[in-house]
Amino acid sequence: MVRKHRLKRGWSQEQLAELSGLSIRTIQRIERGHKPSLESQKSLAAVFELSISELQQEHTMNQDTELNQDEQTVIDQVRAIKSFYSHLITYLSVIGLLFIINLVTDSSYIWAIWPAMGWGIGIINHGLSAFEVFDLFGANWEKRQIEKRLGKKL
């Protein structure tokens, strides 16, 4: 709810931290769902012009509306795909830079192919896992292992 109030006012996390006297790290933790201390709640309530009880009530309401299993699965899949794309962009940038350095320094031997191939294997594996094409140790495997060790169905 802190994030909602912050965005409603068009503030960055840095601006909220400055206005409230809290650290940016504290703001980030609270926005990720950690329970704020009483002092942090007082500071945030003052900045948002709310009472502490209103802020606490919103925090409790937010915790009560937990996601069901299907929603959580979809959120996890989207995060995995986002992580893959981020990894891919980093790969392309770094490998592109290595090829440029290779060609500028000595184009007689293309050594940049070796890190490209090695890291490329990791990229392919990450993509297959993120898009669930081939997920050897995925959620179903974990569930089966837990059930096997607990001796009951989940």
C-alpha atoms as a PDB file:
ATOM      1  CA  MET A   1       0.000   0.000   0.000  1.00  0.00           C
ATOM      2  CA  VAL A   2       2.953   2.295   0.573  1.00  0.00           C
ATOM      3  CA  ARG A   3       3.867   1.871  -3.072  1.00  0.00           C
ATOM      4  CA  LYS A   4       0.294   2.701  -4.100  1.00  0.00           C
ATOM      5  CA  HIS A   5       0.320   5.907  -2.057  1.00  0.00           C
ATOM      6  CA  ARG A   6       3.787   6.829  -3.330  1.00  0.00           C
ATOM      7  CA  LEU A   7       2.867   6.303  -6.984  1.00  0.00           C
ATOM      8  CA  LYS A   8      -0.432   8.129  -6.523  1.00  0.00           C
ATOM      9  CA  ARG A   9       1.595  11.194  -5.564  1.00  0.00           C
ATOM     10  CA  GLY A  10       4.114  10.624  -8.361  1.00  0.00           C
ATOM     11  CA  TRP A  11       7.056  10.230  -5.982  1.00  0.00           C
ATOM     12  CA  SER A  12      10.116   8.078  -6.496  1.00  0.00           C
ATOM     13  CA  GLN A  13      11.387   5.862  -3.700  1.00  0.00           C
ATOM     14  CA  GLU A  14      14.190   8.373  -3.177  1.00  0.00           C
ATOM     15  CA  GLN A  15      11.731  11.235  -2.766  1.00  0.00           C
ATOM     16  CA  LEU A  16       9.622   9.264  -0.282  1.00  0.00           C
ATOM     17  CA  ALA A  17      12.749   8.339   1.665  1.00  0.00           C
ATOM     18  CA  GLU A  18      13.803  11.987   1.828  1.00  0.00           C
ATOM     19  CA  LEU A  19      10.351  13.209   2.861  1.00  0.00           C
ATOM     20  CA  SER A  20       9.864  10.519   5.497  1.00  0.00           C
ATOM     21  CA  GLY A  21      13.403  10.467   6.857  1.00  0.00           C
ATOM     22  CA  LEU A  22      13.675   6.735   6.157  1.00  0.00           C
ATOM     23  CA  SER A  23      16.362   5.065   4.092  1.00  0.00           C
ATOM     24  CA  ILE A  24      15.664   4.025   0.507  1.00  0.00           C
ATOM     25  CA  ARG A  25      16.389   0.442   1.536  1.00  0.00           C
ATOM     26  CA  THR A  26      13.679   0.624   4.221  1.00  0.00           C
ATOM     27  CA  ILE A  27      11.183   1.947   1.666  1.00  0.00           C
ATOM     28  CA  GLN A  28      12.098  -0.896  -0.707  1.00  0.00           C
ATOM     29  CA  ARG A  29      11.643  -3.502   2.022  1.00  0.00           C
ATOM     30  CA  ILE A  30       8.262  -2.122   3.050  1.00  0.00           C
ATOM     31  CA  GLU A  31       7.100  -2.061  -0.575  1.00  0.00           C
ATOM     32  CA  ARG A  32       8.146  -5.708  -0.952  1.00  0.00           C
ATOM     33  CA  GLY A  33       5.812  -6.623   1.903  1.00  0.00           C
ATOM     34  CA  HIS A  34       7.967  -6.453   5.030  1.00  0.00           C
ATOM     35  CA  LYS A  35       6.155  -5.141   8.092  1.00  0.00           C
ATOM     36  CA  PRO A  36       7.351  -1.616   8.918  1.00  0.00           C
ATOM     37  CA  SER A  37       8.373  -0.723  12.462  1.00  0.00           C
ATOM     38  CA  LEU A  38       6.176   1.623  14.480  1.00  0.00           C
ATOM     39  CA  GLU A  39       8.594   4.511  13.874  1.00  0.00           C
ATOM     40  CA  SER A  40       8.546   3.854  10.124  1.00  0.00           C
ATOM     41  CA  GLN A  41       4.746   3.695  10.205  1.00  0.00           C
ATOM     42  CA  LYS A  42       4.610   7.050  12.004  1.00  0.00           C
ATOM     43  CA  SER A  43       6.900   8.644   9.421  1.00  0.00           C
ATOM     44  CA  LEU A  44       4.959   7.223   6.483  1.00  0.00           C
ATOM     45  CA  ALA A  45       1.588   8.107   7.985  1.00  0.00           C
ATOM     46  CA  ALA A  46       2.749  11.706   8.454  1.00  0.00           C
ATOM     47  CA  VAL A  47       4.020  11.946   4.866  1.00  0.00           C
ATOM     48  CA  PHE A  48       0.848  10.421   3.402  1.00  0.00           C
ATOM     49  CA  GLU A  49      -1.363  12.441   5.779  1.00  0.00           C
ATOM     50  CA  LEU A  50      -2.975   9.308   7.191  1.00  0.00           C
ATOM     51  CA  SER A  51      -3.381   8.038  10.722  1.00  0.00           C
ATOM     52  CA  ILE A  52      -1.218   5.127  11.799  1.00  0.00           C
ATOM     53  CA  SER A  53      -4.323   2.977  12.236  1.00  0.00           C
ATOM     54  CA  GLU A  54      -5.359   3.671   8.612  1.00  0.00           C
ATOM     55  CA  LEU A  55      -1.892   2.701   7.392  1.00  0.00           C
ATOM     56  CA  GLN A  56      -1.881  -0.468   9.542  1.00  0.00           C
ATOM     57  CA  GLN A  57      -5.373  -1.391   8.390  1.00  0.00           C
ATOM     58  CA  GLU A  58      -4.324  -1.106   4.743  1.00  0.00           C
ATOM     59  CA  HIS A  59      -1.248  -3.247   5.444  1.00  0.00           C
ATOM     60  CA  THR A  60      -3.443  -5.928   7.070  1.00  0.00           C
ATOM     61  CA  MET A  61      -5.966  -5.827   4.216  1.00  0.00           C
ATOM     62  CA  ASN A  62      -3.135  -6.234   1.718  1.00  0.00           C
ATOM     63  CA  GLN A  63      -1.869  -9.345   3.548  1.00  0.00           C
ATOM     64  CA  ASP A  64      -5.372 -10.852   3.651  1.00  0.00           C
ATOM     65  CA  THR A  65      -5.731 -10.758  -0.137  1.00  0.00           C
ATOM     66  CA  GLU A  66      -3.127 -13.398  -0.882  1.00  0.00           C
ATOM     67  CA  LEU A  67      -2.861 -14.824  -4.363  1.00  0.00           C
ATOM     68  CA  ASN A  68      -4.215 -18.234  -5.202  1.00  0.00           C
ATOM     69  CA  GLN A  69      -1.893 -20.934  -6.559  1.00  0.00           C
ATOM     70  CA  ASP A  70      -2.745 -20.341 -10.247  1.00  0.00           C
ATOM     71  CA  GLU A  71      -2.098 -16.603  -9.987  1.00  0.00           C
ATOM     72  CA  GLN A  72       1.196 -17.208  -8.202  1.00  0.00           C
ATOM     73  CA  THR A  73       2.242 -19.705 -10.890  1.00  0.00           C
ATOM     74  CA  VAL A  74       1.523 -17.191 -13.652  1.00  0.00           C
ATOM     75  CA  ILE A  75       3.414 -14.458 -11.788  1.00  0.00           C
ATOM     76  CA  ASP A  76       6.397 -16.789 -11.381  1.00  0.00           C
ATOM     77  CA  GLN A  77       6.321 -17.656 -15.089  1.00  0.00           C
ATOM     78  CA  VAL A  78       6.258 -13.995 -16.099  1.00  0.00           C
ATOM     79  CA  ARG A  79       9.171 -13.254 -13.761  1.00  0.00           C
ATOM     80  CA  ALA A  80      11.137 -16.162 -15.247  1.00  0.00           C
ATOM     81  CA  ILE A  81      10.550 -14.858 -18.772  1.00  0.00           C
ATOM     82  CA  LYS A  82      11.529 -11.328 -17.710  1.00  0.00           C
ATOM     83  CA  SER A  83      14.704 -12.720 -16.160  1.00  0.00           C
ATOM     84  CA  PHE A  84      15.492 -14.577 -19.386  1.00  0.00           C
ATOM     85  CA  TYR A  85      15.097 -11.455 -21.525  1.00  0.00           C
ATOM     86  CA  SER A  86      17.311  -9.501 -19.143  1.00  0.00           C
ATOM     87  CA  HIS A  87      19.922 -12.270 -19.321  1.00  0.00           C
ATOM     88  CA  LEU A  88      19.673 -12.324 -23.131  1.00  0.00           C
ATOM     89  CA  ILE A  89      20.189  -8.545 -23.420  1.00  0.00           C
ATOM     90  CA  THR A  90      23.234  -8.750 -21.141  1.00  0.00           C
ATOM     91  CA  TYR A  91      24.599 -11.657 -23.189  1.00  0.00           C
ATOM     92  CA  LEU A  92      24.169  -9.838 -26.504  1.00  0.00           C
ATOM     93  CA  SER A  93      25.751  -6.654 -25.148  1.00  0.00           C
ATOM     94  CA  VAL A  94      28.788  -8.318 -23.588  1.00  0.00           C
ATOM     95  CA  ILE A  95      29.406 -10.763 -26.434  1.00  0.00           C
ATOM     96  CA  GLY A  96      28.997  -7.952 -28.969  1.00  0.00           C
ATOM     97  CA  LEU A  97      31.582  -5.918 -27.071  1.00  0.00           C
ATOM     98  CA  LEU A  98      33.945  -8.917 -26.948  1.00  0.00           C
ATOM     99  CA  PHE A  99      33.661  -9.390 -30.710  1.00  0.00           C
ATOM    100  CA  ILE A 100      34.396  -5.698 -31.276  1.00  0.00           C
ATOM    101  CA  ILE A 101      37.450  -5.899 -29.001  1.00  0.00           C
ATOM    102  CA  ASN A 102      38.535  -9.092 -30.788  1.00  0.00           C
ATOM    103  CA  LEU A 103      38.234  -7.546 -34.236  1.00  0.00           C
ATOM    104  CA  VAL A 104      39.927  -4.279 -33.243  1.00  0.00           C
ATOM    105  CA  THR A 105      42.885  -5.913 -31.500  1.00  0.00           C
ATOM    106  CA  ASP A 106      43.555  -8.957 -33.702  1.00  0.00           C
ATOM    107  CA  SER A 107      41.140 -10.168 -36.331  1.00  0.00           C
ATOM    108  CA  SER A 108      43.322 -13.094 -37.424  1.00  0.00           C
ATOM    109  CA  TYR A 109      41.952 -15.325 -34.626  1.00  0.00           C
ATOM    110  CA  ILE A 110      38.338 -15.019 -33.510  1.00  0.00           C
ATOM    111  CA  TRP A 111      38.664 -15.934 -29.826  1.00  0.00           C
ATOM    112  CA  ALA A 112      35.354 -14.282 -28.859  1.00  0.00           C
ATOM    113  CA  ILE A 113      33.521 -17.300 -30.250  1.00  0.00           C
ATOM    114  CA  TRP A 114      34.510 -19.350 -27.185  1.00  0.00           C
ATOM    115  CA  PRO A 115      32.831 -17.203 -24.532  1.00  0.00           C
ATOM    116  CA  ALA A 116      29.881 -16.736 -26.915  1.00  0.00           C
ATOM    117  CA  MET A 117      29.421 -20.497 -27.207  1.00  0.00           C
ATOM    118  CA  GLY A 118      29.917 -21.185 -23.496  1.00  0.00           C
ATOM    119  CA  TRP A 119      27.578 -18.474 -22.307  1.00  0.00           C
ATOM    120  CA  GLY A 120      25.231 -19.290 -25.192  1.00  0.00           C
ATOM    121  CA  ILE A 121      24.661 -22.756 -23.741  1.00  0.00           C
ATOM    122  CA  GLY A 122      23.550 -21.096 -20.528  1.00  0.00           C
ATOM    123  CA  ILE A 123      21.253 -18.740 -22.446  1.00  0.00           C
ATOM    124  CA  ILE A 124      19.630 -21.635 -24.293  1.00  0.00           C
ATOM    125  CA  ASN A 125      19.126 -23.531 -21.040  1.00  0.00           C
ATOM    126  CA  HIS A 126      17.652 -20.430 -19.381  1.00  0.00           C
ATOM    127  CA  GLY A 127      15.265 -19.877 -22.309  1.00  0.00           C
ATOM    128  CA  LEU A 128      14.104 -23.497 -22.342  1.00  0.00           C
ATOM    129  CA  SER A 129      13.451 -23.305 -18.626  1.00  0.00           C
ATOM    130  CA  ALA A 130      11.736 -19.889 -18.706  1.00  0.00           C
ATOM    131  CA  PHE A 131       9.404 -20.854 -21.531  1.00  0.00           C
ATOM    132  CA  GLU A 132       8.913 -24.318 -19.999  1.00  0.00           C
ATOM    133  CA  VAL A 133       9.950 -26.107 -23.177  1.00  0.00           C
ATOM    134  CA  PHE A 134      12.139 -28.534 -21.263  1.00  0.00           C
ATOM    135  CA  ASP A 135      12.145 -28.144 -17.511  1.00  0.00           C
ATOM    136  CA  LEU A 136      13.845 -31.174 -16.000  1.00  0.00           C
ATOM    137  CA  PHE A 137      13.862 -29.893 -12.413  1.00  0.00           C
ATOM    138  CA  GLY A 138      10.774 -27.670 -12.506  1.00  0.00           C
ATOM    139  CA  ALA A 139       7.820 -27.213 -10.195  1.00  0.00           C
ATOM    140  CA  ASN A 140       6.305 -30.627 -10.982  1.00  0.00           C
ATOM    141  CA  TRP A 141       9.568 -32.372 -10.122  1.00  0.00           C
ATOM    142  CA  GLU A 142       9.786 -30.416  -6.859  1.00  0.00           C
ATOM    143  CA  LYS A 143       6.189 -31.319  -5.986  1.00  0.00           C
ATOM    144  CA  ARG A 144       6.786 -35.032  -6.666  1.00  0.00           C
ATOM    145  CA  GLN A 145       9.936 -35.004  -4.531  1.00  0.00           C
ATOM    146  CA  ILE A 146       8.163 -33.269  -1.640  1.00  0.00           C
ATOM    147  CA  GLU A 147       5.251 -35.686  -1.854  1.00  0.00           C
ATOM    148  CA  LYS A 148       7.649 -38.637  -1.932  1.00  0.00           C
ATOM    149  CA  ARG A 149       9.530 -37.438   1.131  1.00  0.00           C
ATOM    150  CA  LEU A 150       6.381 -36.505   3.063  1.00  0.00           C
ATOM    151  CA  GLY A 151       4.612 -39.673   1.994  1.00  0.00           C
ATOM    152  CA  LYS A 152       1.415 -37.871   0.999  1.00  0.00           C
ATOM    153  CA  LYS A 153      -0.166 -35.943  -1.872  1.00  0.00           C
ATOM    154  CA  LEU A 154      -0.081 -32.144  -1.866  1.00  0.00           C
END
